[in-house]
PDB file of N, CA and C in Angstrom:
ATOM      1  N   MET A   1       9.555  -8.615   0.133  1.00  0.00           N
ATOM      2  CA  MET A   1       9.096  -9.032  -1.179  1.00  0.00           C
ATOM      3  C   MET A   1       8.179 -10.240  -1.028  1.00  0.00           C
ATOM      4  N   ASN A   2       7.155 -10.279  -1.814  1.00  0.00           N
ATOM      5  CA  ASN A   2       6.194 -11.367  -1.812  1.00  0.00           C
ATOM      6  C   ASN A   2       6.875 -12.665  -2.264  1.00  0.00           C
ATOM      7  N   PRO A   3       6.829 -13.729  -1.446  1.00  0.00           N
ATOM      8  CA  PRO A   3       7.484 -14.982  -1.830  1.00  0.00           C
ATOM      9  C   PRO A   3       6.979 -15.557  -3.155  1.00  0.00           C
ATOM     10  N   ALA A   4       5.704 -15.368  -3.457  1.00  0.00           N
ATOM     11  CA  ALA A   4       5.167 -15.894  -4.709  1.00  0.00           C
ATOM     12  C   ALA A   4       5.861 -15.255  -5.909  1.00  0.00           C
ATOM     13  N   ILE A   5       6.141 -13.970  -5.816  1.00  0.00           N
ATOM     14  CA  ILE A   5       6.837 -13.274  -6.911  1.00  0.00           C
ATOM     15  C   ILE A   5       8.269 -13.773  -7.029  1.00  0.00           C
ATOM     16  N   VAL A   6       8.924 -13.940  -5.900  1.00  0.00           N
ATOM     17  CA  VAL A   6      10.312 -14.412  -5.916  1.00  0.00           C
ATOM     18  C   VAL A   6      10.395 -15.795  -6.538  1.00  0.00           C
ATOM     19  N   TYR A   7       9.493 -16.684  -6.139  1.00  0.00           N
ATOM     20  CA  TYR A   7       9.518 -18.027  -6.708  1.00  0.00           C
ATOM     21  C   TYR A   7       9.093 -18.029  -8.173  1.00  0.00           C
ATOM     22  N   ALA A   8       8.209 -17.118  -8.564  1.00  0.00           N
ATOM     23  CA  ALA A   8       7.851 -17.000  -9.976  1.00  0.00           C
ATOM     24  C   ALA A   8       9.070 -16.582 -10.802  1.00  0.00           C
ATOM     25  N   VAL A   9       9.860 -15.665 -10.265  1.00  0.00           N
ATOM     26  CA  VAL A   9      11.089 -15.233 -10.945  1.00  0.00           C
ATOM     27  C   VAL A   9      12.062 -16.413 -11.053  1.00  0.00           C
ATOM     28  N   LEU A  10      12.167 -17.203  -9.997  1.00  0.00           N
ATOM     29  CA  LEU A  10      13.045 -18.372 -10.035  1.00  0.00           C
ATOM     30  C   LEU A  10      12.548 -19.388 -11.059  1.00  0.00           C
ATOM     31  N   VAL A  11      11.251 -19.559 -11.176  1.00  0.00           N
ATOM     32  CA  VAL A  11      10.688 -20.467 -12.180  1.00  0.00           C
ATOM     33  C   VAL A  11      10.998 -19.958 -13.589  1.00  0.00           C
ATOM     34  N   VAL A  12      10.905 -18.658 -13.798  1.00  0.00           N
ATOM     35  CA  VAL A  12      11.274 -18.089 -15.107  1.00  0.00           C
ATOM     36  C   VAL A  12      12.736 -18.407 -15.418  1.00  0.00           C
ATOM     37  N   ALA A  13      13.596 -18.258 -14.424  1.00  0.00           N
ATOM     38  CA  ALA A  13      15.011 -18.591 -14.609  1.00  0.00           C
ATOM     39  C   ALA A  13      15.181 -20.053 -14.998  1.00  0.00           C
ATOM     40  N   ILE A  14      14.463 -20.934 -14.335  1.00  0.00           N
ATOM     41  CA  ILE A  14      14.558 -22.367 -14.621  1.00  0.00           C
ATOM     42  C   ILE A  14      14.058 -22.670 -16.021  1.00  0.00           C
ATOM     43  N   VAL A  15      12.955 -22.069 -16.409  1.00  0.00           N
ATOM     44  CA  VAL A  15      12.404 -22.309 -17.748  1.00  0.00           C
ATOM     45  C   VAL A  15      13.398 -21.866 -18.826  1.00  0.00           C
ATOM     46  N   PHE A  16      14.022 -20.711 -18.647  1.00  0.00           N
ATOM     47  CA  PHE A  16      14.990 -20.257 -19.646  1.00  0.00           C
ATOM     48  C   PHE A  16      16.258 -21.106 -19.640  1.00  0.00           C
ATOM     49  N   GLU A  17      16.629 -21.640 -18.479  1.00  0.00           N
ATOM     50  CA  GLU A  17      17.778 -22.545 -18.429  1.00  0.00           C
ATOM     51  C   GLU A  17      17.460 -23.820 -19.204  1.00  0.00           C
ATOM     52  N   VAL A  18      16.251 -24.331 -19.056  1.00  0.00           N
ATOM     53  CA  VAL A  18      15.842 -25.536 -19.787  1.00  0.00           C
ATOM     54  C   VAL A  18      15.764 -25.248 -21.286  1.00  0.00           C
ATOM     55  N   LEU A  19      15.248 -24.086 -21.651  1.00  0.00           N
ATOM     56  CA  LEU A  19      15.219 -23.706 -23.065  1.00  0.00           C
ATOM     57  C   LEU A  19      16.635 -23.591 -23.629  1.00  0.00           C
ATOM     58  N   GLY A  20      17.538 -23.007 -22.842  1.00  0.00           N
ATOM     59  CA  GLY A  20      18.932 -22.883 -23.285  1.00  0.00           C
ATOM     60  C   GLY A  20      19.601 -24.229 -23.448  1.00  0.00           C
ATOM     61  N   THR A  21      19.343 -25.135 -22.528  1.00  0.00           N
ATOM     62  CA  THR A  21      19.924 -26.472 -22.625  1.00  0.00           C
ATOM     63  C   THR A  21      19.329 -27.229 -23.804  1.00  0.00           C
ATOM     64  N   SER A  22      18.052 -27.042 -24.064  1.00  0.00           N
ATOM     65  CA  SER A  22      17.429 -27.660 -25.240  1.00  0.00           C
ATOM     66  C   SER A  22      18.029 -27.100 -26.524  1.00  0.00           C
ATOM     67  N   ALA A  23      18.269 -25.800 -26.544  1.00  0.00           N
ATOM     68  CA  ALA A  23      18.902 -25.184 -27.716  1.00  0.00           C
ATOM     69  C   ALA A  23      20.331 -25.704 -27.888  1.00  0.00           C
ATOM     70  N   MET A  24      21.021 -25.956 -26.772  1.00  0.00           N
ATOM     71  CA  MET A  24      22.372 -26.502 -26.858  1.00  0.00           C
ATOM     72  C   MET A  24      22.342 -27.875 -27.541  1.00  0.00           C
ATOM     73  N   GLN A  25      21.359 -28.698 -27.187  1.00  0.00           N
ATOM     74  CA  GLN A  25      21.213 -30.004 -27.831  1.00  0.00           C
ATOM     75  C   GLN A  25      20.977 -29.823 -29.331  1.00  0.00           C
ATOM     76  N   ALA A  26      20.130 -28.862 -29.686  1.00  0.00           N
ATOM     77  CA  ALA A  26      19.812 -28.618 -31.095  1.00  0.00           C
ATOM     78  C   ALA A  26      20.970 -27.963 -31.848  1.00  0.00           C
ATOM     79  N   ALA A  27      21.879 -27.300 -31.135  1.00  0.00           N
ATOM     80  CA  ALA A  27      23.000 -26.597 -31.778  1.00  0.00           C
ATOM     81  C   ALA A  27      24.042 -27.554 -32.359  1.00  0.00           C
ATOM     82  N   GLN A  28      24.024 -28.801 -31.935  1.00  0.00           N
ATOM     83  CA  GLN A  28      24.928 -29.827 -32.445  1.00  0.00           C
ATOM     84  C   GLN A  28      26.385 -29.358 -32.434  1.00  0.00           C
ATOM     85  N   HIS A  29      26.909 -29.213 -31.216  1.00  0.00           N
ATOM     86  CA  HIS A  29      28.300 -28.781 -31.009  1.00  0.00           C
ATOM     87  C   HIS A  29      28.573 -27.410 -31.618  1.00  0.00           C
ATOM     88  N   PHE A  30      27.617 -26.524 -31.522  1.00  0.00           N
ATOM     89  CA  PHE A  30      27.733 -25.138 -31.990  1.00  0.00           C
ATOM     90  C   PHE A  30      27.910 -25.030 -33.503  1.00  0.00           C
ATOM     91  N   THR A  31      27.420 -26.014 -34.237  1.00  0.00           N
ATOM     92  CA  THR A  31      27.529 -25.974 -35.699  1.00  0.00           C
ATOM     93  C   THR A  31      26.296 -25.365 -36.354  1.00  0.00           C
ATOM     94  N   ARG A  32      25.251 -25.135 -35.584  1.00  0.00           N
ATOM     95  CA  ARG A  32      24.035 -24.519 -36.120  1.00  0.00           C
ATOM     96  C   ARG A  32      23.857 -23.172 -35.434  1.00  0.00           C
ATOM     97  N   LEU A  33      23.853 -22.102 -36.228  1.00  0.00           N
ATOM     98  CA  LEU A  33      23.895 -20.735 -35.704  1.00  0.00           C
ATOM     99  C   LEU A  33      22.661 -20.363 -34.879  1.00  0.00           C
ATOM    100  N   VAL A  34      21.471 -20.608 -35.393  1.00  0.00           N
ATOM    101  CA  VAL A  34      20.257 -20.159 -34.711  1.00  0.00           C
ATOM    102  C   VAL A  34      20.100 -20.827 -33.336  1.00  0.00           C
ATOM    103  N   PRO A  35      20.231 -22.151 -33.235  1.00  0.00           N
ATOM    104  CA  PRO A  35      20.142 -22.737 -31.891  1.00  0.00           C
ATOM    105  C   PRO A  35      21.270 -22.274 -30.965  1.00  0.00           C
ATOM    106  N   THR A  36      22.449 -22.035 -31.513  1.00  0.00           N
ATOM    107  CA  THR A  36      23.559 -21.544 -30.691  1.00  0.00           C
ATOM    108  C   THR A  36      23.237 -20.167 -30.130  1.00  0.00           C
ATOM    109  N   MET A  37      22.718 -19.286 -30.957  1.00  0.00           N
ATOM    110  CA  MET A  37      22.355 -17.946 -30.497  1.00  0.00           C
ATOM    111  C   MET A  37      21.193 -18.013 -29.495  1.00  0.00           C
ATOM    112  N   ALA A  38      20.233 -18.896 -29.753  1.00  0.00           N
ATOM    113  CA  ALA A  38      19.120 -19.063 -28.813  1.00  0.00           C
ATOM    114  C   ALA A  38      19.634 -19.531 -27.457  1.00  0.00           C
ATOM    115  N   MET A  39      20.614 -20.431 -27.459  1.00  0.00           N
ATOM    116  CA  MET A  39      21.205 -20.918 -26.233  1.00  0.00           C
ATOM    117  C   MET A  39      21.833 -19.774 -25.436  1.00  0.00           C
ATOM    118  N   VAL A  40      22.612 -18.947 -26.098  1.00  0.00           N
ATOM    119  CA  VAL A  40      23.290 -17.837 -25.429  1.00  0.00           C
ATOM    120  C   VAL A  40      22.266 -16.869 -24.830  1.00  0.00           C
ATOM    121  N   VAL A  41      21.251 -16.527 -25.594  1.00  0.00           N
ATOM    122  CA  VAL A  41      20.225 -15.601 -25.115  1.00  0.00           C
ATOM    123  C   VAL A  41      19.448 -16.202 -23.937  1.00  0.00           C
ATOM    124  N   CYS A  42      19.058 -17.459 -24.070  1.00  0.00           N
ATOM    125  CA  CYS A  42      18.296 -18.111 -22.986  1.00  0.00           C
ATOM    126  C   CYS A  42      19.111 -18.208 -21.706  1.00  0.00           C
ATOM    127  N   TYR A  43      20.389 -18.569 -21.824  1.00  0.00           N
ATOM    128  CA  TYR A  43      21.221 -18.643 -20.622  1.00  0.00           C
ATOM    129  C   TYR A  43      21.411 -17.260 -19.991  1.00  0.00           C
ATOM    130  N   ALA A  44      21.571 -16.230 -20.803  1.00  0.00           N
ATOM    131  CA  ALA A  44      21.714 -14.875 -20.255  1.00  0.00           C
ATOM    132  C   ALA A  44      20.462 -14.474 -19.480  1.00  0.00           C
ATOM    133  N   ILE A  45      19.299 -14.760 -20.045  1.00  0.00           N
ATOM    134  CA  ILE A  45      18.040 -14.442 -19.361  1.00  0.00           C
ATOM    135  C   ILE A  45      17.912 -15.275 -18.084  1.00  0.00           C
ATOM    136  N   ALA A  46      18.253 -16.550 -18.171  1.00  0.00           N
ATOM    137  CA  ALA A  46      18.156 -17.437 -17.015  1.00  0.00           C
ATOM    138  C   ALA A  46      19.025 -16.937 -15.870  1.00  0.00           C
ATOM    139  N   PHE A  47      20.268 -16.580 -16.167  1.00  0.00           N
ATOM    140  CA  PHE A  47      21.159 -16.128 -15.095  1.00  0.00           C
ATOM    141  C   PHE A  47      20.746 -14.765 -14.553  1.00  0.00           C
ATOM    142  N   PHE A  48      20.171 -13.917 -15.393  1.00  0.00           N
ATOM    143  CA  PHE A  48      19.663 -12.638 -14.901  1.00  0.00           C
ATOM    144  C   PHE A  48      18.583 -12.873 -13.846  1.00  0.00           C
ATOM    145  N   PHE A  49      17.601 -13.715 -14.172  1.00  0.00           N
ATOM    146  CA  PHE A  49      16.505 -13.961 -13.238  1.00  0.00           C
ATOM    147  C   PHE A  49      16.970 -14.753 -12.017  1.00  0.00           C
ATOM    148  N   LEU A  50      17.899 -15.671 -12.203  1.00  0.00           N
ATOM    149  CA  LEU A  50      18.443 -16.389 -11.055  1.00  0.00           C
ATOM    150  C   LEU A  50      19.135 -15.417 -10.105  1.00  0.00           C
ATOM    151  N   SER A  51      19.935 -14.521 -10.657  1.00  0.00           N
ATOM    152  CA  SER A  51      20.649 -13.575  -9.793  1.00  0.00           C
ATOM    153  C   SER A  51      19.670 -12.659  -9.068  1.00  0.00           C
ATOM    154  N   TRP A  52      18.575 -12.308  -9.697  1.00  0.00           N
ATOM    155  CA  TRP A  52      17.571 -11.471  -9.032  1.00  0.00           C
ATOM    156  C   TRP A  52      16.940 -12.222  -7.862  1.00  0.00           C
ATOM    157  N   SER A  53      16.659 -13.500  -8.064  1.00  0.00           N
ATOM    158  CA  SER A  53      16.026 -14.269  -6.992  1.00  0.00           C
ATOM    159  C   SER A  53      16.956 -14.443  -5.789  1.00  0.00           C
ATOM    160  N   LEU A  54      18.268 -14.358  -6.023  1.00  0.00           N
ATOM    161  CA  LEU A  54      19.226 -14.531  -4.927  1.00  0.00           C
ATOM    162  C   LEU A  54      19.188 -13.392  -3.919  1.00  0.00           C
ATOM    163  N   ARG A  55      18.492 -12.311  -4.250  1.00  0.00           N
ATOM    164  CA  ARG A  55      18.294 -11.240  -3.264  1.00  0.00           C
ATOM    165  C   ARG A  55      17.446 -11.724  -2.099  1.00  0.00           C
ATOM    166  N   TYR A  56      16.599 -12.716  -2.338  1.00  0.00           N
ATOM    167  CA  TYR A  56      15.596 -13.117  -1.361  1.00  0.00           C
ATOM    168  C   TYR A  56      15.675 -14.586  -0.943  1.00  0.00           C
ATOM    169  N   VAL A  57      16.321 -15.409  -1.751  1.00  0.00           N
ATOM    170  CA  VAL A  57      16.437 -16.839  -1.451  1.00  0.00           C
ATOM    171  C   VAL A  57      17.919 -17.147  -1.269  1.00  0.00           C
ATOM    172  N   PRO A  58      18.299 -17.843  -0.208  1.00  0.00           N
ATOM    173  CA  PRO A  58      19.711 -18.194  -0.027  1.00  0.00           C
ATOM    174  C   PRO A  58      20.245 -18.963  -1.238  1.00  0.00           C
ATOM    175  N   VAL A  59      21.499 -18.727  -1.566  1.00  0.00           N
ATOM    176  CA  VAL A  59      22.072 -19.287  -2.785  1.00  0.00           C
ATOM    177  C   VAL A  59      21.982 -20.811  -2.820  1.00  0.00           C
ATOM    178  N   GLY A  60      22.214 -21.477  -1.714  1.00  0.00           N
ATOM    179  CA  GLY A  60      22.147 -22.935  -1.695  1.00  0.00           C
ATOM    180  C   GLY A  60      20.758 -23.458  -1.985  1.00  0.00           C
ATOM    181  N   ILE A  61      19.761 -22.800  -1.420  1.00  0.00           N
ATOM    182  CA  ILE A  61      18.371 -23.205  -1.638  1.00  0.00           C
ATOM    183  C   ILE A  61      17.957 -22.902  -3.072  1.00  0.00           C
ATOM    184  N   ALA A  62      18.280 -21.700  -3.545  1.00  0.00           N
ATOM    185  CA  ALA A  62      17.927 -21.327  -4.921  1.00  0.00           C
ATOM    186  C   ALA A  62      18.573 -22.284  -5.915  1.00  0.00           C
ATOM    187  N   TYR A  63      19.842 -22.617  -5.672  1.00  0.00           N
ATOM    188  CA  TYR A  63      20.536 -23.503  -6.596  1.00  0.00           C
ATOM    189  C   TYR A  63      19.978 -24.921  -6.526  1.00  0.00           C
ATOM    190  N   ALA A  64      19.570 -25.363  -5.352  1.00  0.00           N
ATOM    191  CA  ALA A  64      18.956 -26.692  -5.231  1.00  0.00           C
ATOM    192  C   ALA A  64      17.650 -26.753  -6.024  1.00  0.00           C
ATOM    193  N   ILE A  65      16.848 -25.711  -5.917  1.00  0.00           N
ATOM    194  CA  ILE A  65      15.590 -25.655  -6.662  1.00  0.00           C
ATOM    195  C   ILE A  65      15.881 -25.559  -8.152  1.00  0.00           C
ATOM    196  N   TRP A  66      16.790 -24.656  -8.536  1.00  0.00           N
ATOM    197  CA  TRP A  66      17.182 -24.433  -9.927  1.00  0.00           C
ATOM    198  C   TRP A  66      17.670 -25.733 -10.562  1.00  0.00           C
ATOM    199  N   SER A  67      18.621 -26.380  -9.916  1.00  0.00           N
ATOM    200  CA  SER A  67      19.210 -27.573 -10.514  1.00  0.00           C
ATOM    201  C   SER A  67      18.246 -28.753 -10.463  1.00  0.00           C
ATOM    202  N   GLY A  68      17.530 -28.916  -9.348  1.00  0.00           N
ATOM    203  CA  GLY A  68      16.610 -30.037  -9.230  1.00  0.00           C
ATOM    204  C   GLY A  68      15.484 -29.983 -10.244  1.00  0.00           C
ATOM    205  N   LEU A  69      14.801 -28.860 -10.293  1.00  0.00           N
ATOM    206  CA  LEU A  69      13.706 -28.743 -11.256  1.00  0.00           C
ATOM    207  C   LEU A  69      14.222 -28.693 -12.688  1.00  0.00           C
ATOM    208  N   GLY A  70      15.399 -28.095 -12.868  1.00  0.00           N
ATOM    209  CA  GLY A  70      16.004 -28.079 -14.208  1.00  0.00           C
ATOM    210  C   GLY A  70      16.294 -29.478 -14.708  1.00  0.00           C
ATOM    211  N   ILE A  71      16.831 -30.338 -13.835  1.00  0.00           N
ATOM    212  CA  ILE A  71      17.114 -31.727 -14.217  1.00  0.00           C
ATOM    213  C   ILE A  71      15.831 -32.448 -14.607  1.00  0.00           C
ATOM    214  N   VAL A  72      14.799 -32.291 -13.803  1.00  0.00           N
ATOM    215  CA  VAL A  72      13.535 -32.969 -14.089  1.00  0.00           C
ATOM    216  C   VAL A  72      12.945 -32.460 -15.403  1.00  0.00           C
ATOM    217  N   LEU A  73      12.905 -31.148 -15.579  1.00  0.00           N
ATOM    218  CA  LEU A  73      12.314 -30.591 -16.795  1.00  0.00           C
ATOM    219  C   LEU A  73      13.110 -30.942 -18.045  1.00  0.00           C
ATOM    220  N   ILE A  74      14.443 -30.872 -17.966  1.00  0.00           N
ATOM    221  CA  ILE A  74      15.231 -31.185 -19.164  1.00  0.00           C
ATOM    222  C   ILE A  74      15.149 -32.675 -19.478  1.00  0.00           C
ATOM    223  N   SER A  75      14.966 -33.510 -18.467  1.00  0.00           N
ATOM    224  CA  SER A  75      14.762 -34.941 -18.717  1.00  0.00           C
ATOM    225  C   SER A  75      13.450 -35.169 -19.461  1.00  0.00           C
ATOM    226  N   LEU A  76      12.411 -34.424 -19.086  1.00  0.00           N
ATOM    227  CA  LEU A  76      11.134 -34.528 -19.785  1.00  0.00           C
ATOM    228  C   LEU A  76      11.231 -33.996 -21.212  1.00  0.00           C
ATOM    229  N   VAL A  77      11.940 -32.893 -21.395  1.00  0.00           N
ATOM    230  CA  VAL A  77      12.155 -32.361 -22.750  1.00  0.00           C
ATOM    231  C   VAL A  77      12.911 -33.381 -23.590  1.00  0.00           C
ATOM    232  N   GLY A  78      13.954 -33.970 -23.022  1.00  0.00           N
ATOM    233  CA  GLY A  78      14.710 -34.991 -23.743  1.00  0.00           C
ATOM    234  C   GLY A  78      13.842 -36.164 -24.142  1.00  0.00           C
ATOM    235  N   TYR A  79      12.965 -36.570 -23.247  1.00  0.00           N
ATOM    236  CA  TYR A  79      12.075 -37.699 -23.531  1.00  0.00           C
ATOM    237  C   TYR A  79      11.064 -37.353 -24.632  1.00  0.00           C
ATOM    238  N   PHE A  80      10.383 -36.214 -24.488  1.00  0.00           N
ATOM    239  CA  PHE A  80       9.303 -35.884 -25.413  1.00  0.00           C
ATOM    240  C   PHE A  80       9.778 -35.284 -26.739  1.00  0.00           C
ATOM    241  N   PHE A  81      10.883 -34.550 -26.737  1.00  0.00           N
ATOM    242  CA  PHE A  81      11.285 -33.842 -27.953  1.00  0.00           C
ATOM    243  C   PHE A  81      12.523 -34.425 -28.632  1.00  0.00           C
ATOM    244  N   PHE A  82      13.374 -35.096 -27.878  1.00  0.00           N
ATOM    245  CA  PHE A  82      14.604 -35.621 -28.464  1.00  0.00           C
ATOM    246  C   PHE A  82      14.640 -37.145 -28.499  1.00  0.00           C
ATOM    247  N   GLY A  83      13.554 -37.789 -28.093  1.00  0.00           N
ATOM    248  CA  GLY A  83      13.460 -39.237 -28.161  1.00  0.00           C
ATOM    249  C   GLY A  83      14.383 -39.985 -27.215  1.00  0.00           C
ATOM    250  N   GLN A  84      14.798 -39.357 -26.142  1.00  0.00           N
ATOM    251  CA  GLN A  84      15.678 -40.004 -25.176  1.00  0.00           C
ATOM    252  C   GLN A  84      14.828 -40.806 -24.193  1.00  0.00           C
ATOM    253  N   LYS A  85      15.308 -41.968 -23.834  1.00  0.00           N
ATOM    254  CA  LYS A  85      14.545 -42.872 -22.974  1.00  0.00           C
ATOM    255  C   LYS A  85      14.872 -42.658 -21.500  1.00  0.00           C
ATOM    256  N   LEU A  86      13.881 -42.897 -20.665  1.00  0.00           N
ATOM    257  CA  LEU A  86      14.041 -42.853 -19.212  1.00  0.00           C
ATOM    258  C   LEU A  86      13.691 -44.235 -18.668  1.00  0.00           C
ATOM    259  N   ASP A  87      14.678 -44.924 -18.108  1.00  0.00           N
ATOM    260  CA  ASP A  87      14.417 -46.246 -17.544  1.00  0.00           C
ATOM    261  C   ASP A  87      13.847 -46.103 -16.133  1.00  0.00           C
ATOM    262  N   PRO A  88      13.409 -47.208 -15.528  1.00  0.00           N
ATOM    263  CA  PRO A  88      12.819 -47.115 -14.183  1.00  0.00           C
ATOM    264  C   PRO A  88      13.744 -46.465 -13.148  1.00  0.00           C
ATOM    265  N   ALA A  89      15.040 -46.755 -13.206  1.00  0.00           N
ATOM    266  CA  ALA A  89      15.963 -46.143 -12.249  1.00  0.00           C
ATOM    267  C   ALA A  89      15.999 -44.626 -12.420  1.00  0.00           C
ATOM    268  N   ALA A  90      15.958 -44.156 -13.657  1.00  0.00           N
ATOM    269  CA  ALA A  90      15.936 -42.710 -13.907  1.00  0.00           C
ATOM    270  C   ALA A  90      14.666 -42.090 -13.348  1.00  0.00           C
ATOM    271  N   LEU A  91      13.550 -42.767 -13.516  1.00  0.00           N
ATOM    272  CA  LEU A  91      12.283 -42.243 -13.002  1.00  0.00           C
ATOM    273  C   LEU A  91      12.284 -42.185 -11.474  1.00  0.00           C
ATOM    274  N   VAL A  92      12.868 -43.192 -10.833  1.00  0.00           N
ATOM    275  CA  VAL A  92      12.982 -43.171  -9.378  1.00  0.00           C
ATOM    276  C   VAL A  92      13.877 -42.008  -8.945  1.00  0.00           C
ATOM    277  N   GLY A  93      15.007 -41.849  -9.613  1.00  0.00           N
ATOM    278  CA  GLY A  93      15.912 -40.753  -9.283  1.00  0.00           C
ATOM    279  C   GLY A  93      15.265 -39.396  -9.454  1.00  0.00           C
ATOM    280  N   LEU A  94      14.544 -39.220 -10.562  1.00  0.00           N
ATOM    281  CA  LEU A  94      13.847 -37.948 -10.788  1.00  0.00           C
ATOM    282  C   LEU A  94      12.778 -37.715  -9.723  1.00  0.00           C
ATOM    283  N   SER A  95      12.100 -38.784  -9.308  1.00  0.00           N
ATOM    284  CA  SER A  95      11.099 -38.661  -8.243  1.00  0.00           C
ATOM    285  C   SER A  95      11.752 -38.225  -6.931  1.00  0.00           C
ATOM    286  N   LEU A  96      12.926 -38.749  -6.648  1.00  0.00           N
ATOM    287  CA  LEU A  96      13.639 -38.357  -5.433  1.00  0.00           C
ATOM    288  C   LEU A  96      14.071 -36.886  -5.491  1.00  0.00           C
ATOM    289  N   ILE A  97      14.453 -36.425  -6.672  1.00  0.00           N
ATOM    290  CA  ILE A  97      14.813 -35.013  -6.831  1.00  0.00           C
ATOM    291  C   ILE A  97      13.606 -34.128  -6.543  1.00  0.00           C
ATOM    292  N   ILE A  98      12.459 -34.496  -7.105  1.00  0.00           N
ATOM    293  CA  ILE A  98      11.232 -33.733  -6.855  1.00  0.00           C
ATOM    294  C   ILE A  98      10.904 -33.747  -5.369  1.00  0.00           C
ATOM    295  N   ALA A  99      11.042 -34.908  -4.736  1.00  0.00           N
ATOM    296  CA  ALA A  99      10.776 -35.005  -3.297  1.00  0.00           C
ATOM    297  C   ALA A  99      11.713 -34.091  -2.515  1.00  0.00           C
ATOM    298  N   GLY A 100      12.980 -34.032  -2.909  1.00  0.00           N
ATOM    299  CA  GLY A 100      13.933 -33.164  -2.230  1.00  0.00           C
ATOM    300  C   GLY A 100      13.570 -31.698  -2.350  1.00  0.00           C
ATOM    301  N   VAL A 101      13.167 -31.276  -3.530  1.00  0.00           N
ATOM    302  CA  VAL A 101      12.755 -29.879  -3.726  1.00  0.00           C
ATOM    303  C   VAL A 101      11.514 -29.582  -2.889  1.00  0.00           C
ATOM    304  N   LEU A 102      10.575 -30.526  -2.836  1.00  0.00           N
ATOM    305  CA  LEU A 102       9.375 -30.317  -2.019  1.00  0.00           C
ATOM    306  C   LEU A 102       9.720 -30.224  -0.536  1.00  0.00           C
ATOM    307  N   VAL A 103      10.589 -31.090  -0.054  1.00  0.00           N
ATOM    308  CA  VAL A 103      10.989 -31.037   1.357  1.00  0.00           C
ATOM    309  C   VAL A 103      11.629 -29.691   1.671  1.00  0.00           C
ATOM    310  N   LEU A 104      12.520 -29.231   0.789  1.00  0.00           N
ATOM    311  CA  LEU A 104      13.156 -27.925   1.001  1.00  0.00           C
ATOM    312  C   LEU A 104      12.126 -26.814   1.133  1.00  0.00           C
ATOM    313  N   ASN A 105      11.154 -26.820   0.254  1.00  0.00           N
ATOM    314  CA  ASN A 105      10.197 -25.713   0.220  1.00  0.00           C
ATOM    315  C   ASN A 105       9.082 -25.821   1.248  1.00  0.00           C
ATOM    316  N   LEU A 106       8.717 -27.027   1.607  1.00  0.00           N
ATOM    317  CA  LEU A 106       7.599 -27.182   2.533  1.00  0.00           C
ATOM    318  C   LEU A 106       8.026 -27.235   4.002  1.00  0.00           C
ATOM    319  N   PHE A 107       9.219 -27.727   4.270  1.00  0.00           N
ATOM    320  CA  PHE A 107       9.592 -27.961   5.659  1.00  0.00           C
ATOM    321  C   PHE A 107      10.796 -27.174   6.161  1.00  0.00           C
ATOM    322  N   SER A 108      11.582 -26.620   5.248  1.00  0.00           N
ATOM    323  CA  SER A 108      12.779 -25.905   5.673  1.00  0.00           C
ATOM    324  C   SER A 108      12.441 -24.450   5.991  1.00  0.00           C
ATOM    325  N   LYS A 109      13.037 -23.947   7.024  1.00  0.00           N
ATOM    326  CA  LYS A 109      12.881 -22.536   7.369  1.00  0.00           C
ATOM    327  C   LYS A 109      13.968 -21.692   6.703  1.00  0.00           C
ATOM    328  N   SER A 110      14.818 -22.321   5.895  1.00  0.00           N
ATOM    329  CA  SER A 110      15.937 -21.642   5.245  1.00  0.00           C
ATOM    330  C   SER A 110      15.582 -21.092   3.865  1.00  0.00           C
ATOM    331  N   THR A 111      14.381 -21.318   3.391  1.00  0.00           N
ATOM    332  CA  THR A 111      14.097 -21.051   1.991  1.00  0.00           C
ATOM    333  C   THR A 111      13.914 -19.582   1.643  1.00  0.00           C
ATOM    334  N   PHE A 112      13.655 -18.732   2.584  1.00  0.00           N
ATOM    335  CA  PHE A 112      13.344 -17.350   2.233  1.00  0.00           C
ATOM    336  C   PHE A 112      13.927 -16.421   3.282  1.00  0.00           C
ATOM    337  N   HIS A 113      14.515 -15.298   2.849  1.00  0.00           N
ATOM    338  CA  HIS A 113      15.014 -14.324   3.819  1.00  0.00           C
ATOM    339  C   HIS A 113      14.625 -12.916   3.426  1.00  0.00           C
TER     340      HIS A 113
END
């Protein structure tokens, strides 16, 4: 399988996970029906695409990419859409997460099978 396609599928999974987490924030403890339903649908789509990518990417690597990029993206969504602040320590931590994902993908021979 073409690695670009596999990573594109993993990115789709990450995007839907971030959308689901954003919907969870908007659902306000499951008291709002539409965001709650959006959350369930987004998570189902996210896990479908994540499971598909696991055919070609080792689970540890896929999960590192999934969680790392998910954390960075949901932090940006929180900042831009929910008014949540990111202090300098948070920005350094997020930068380290991005660096870790880059090291995994650029230098590790474990990323694709």
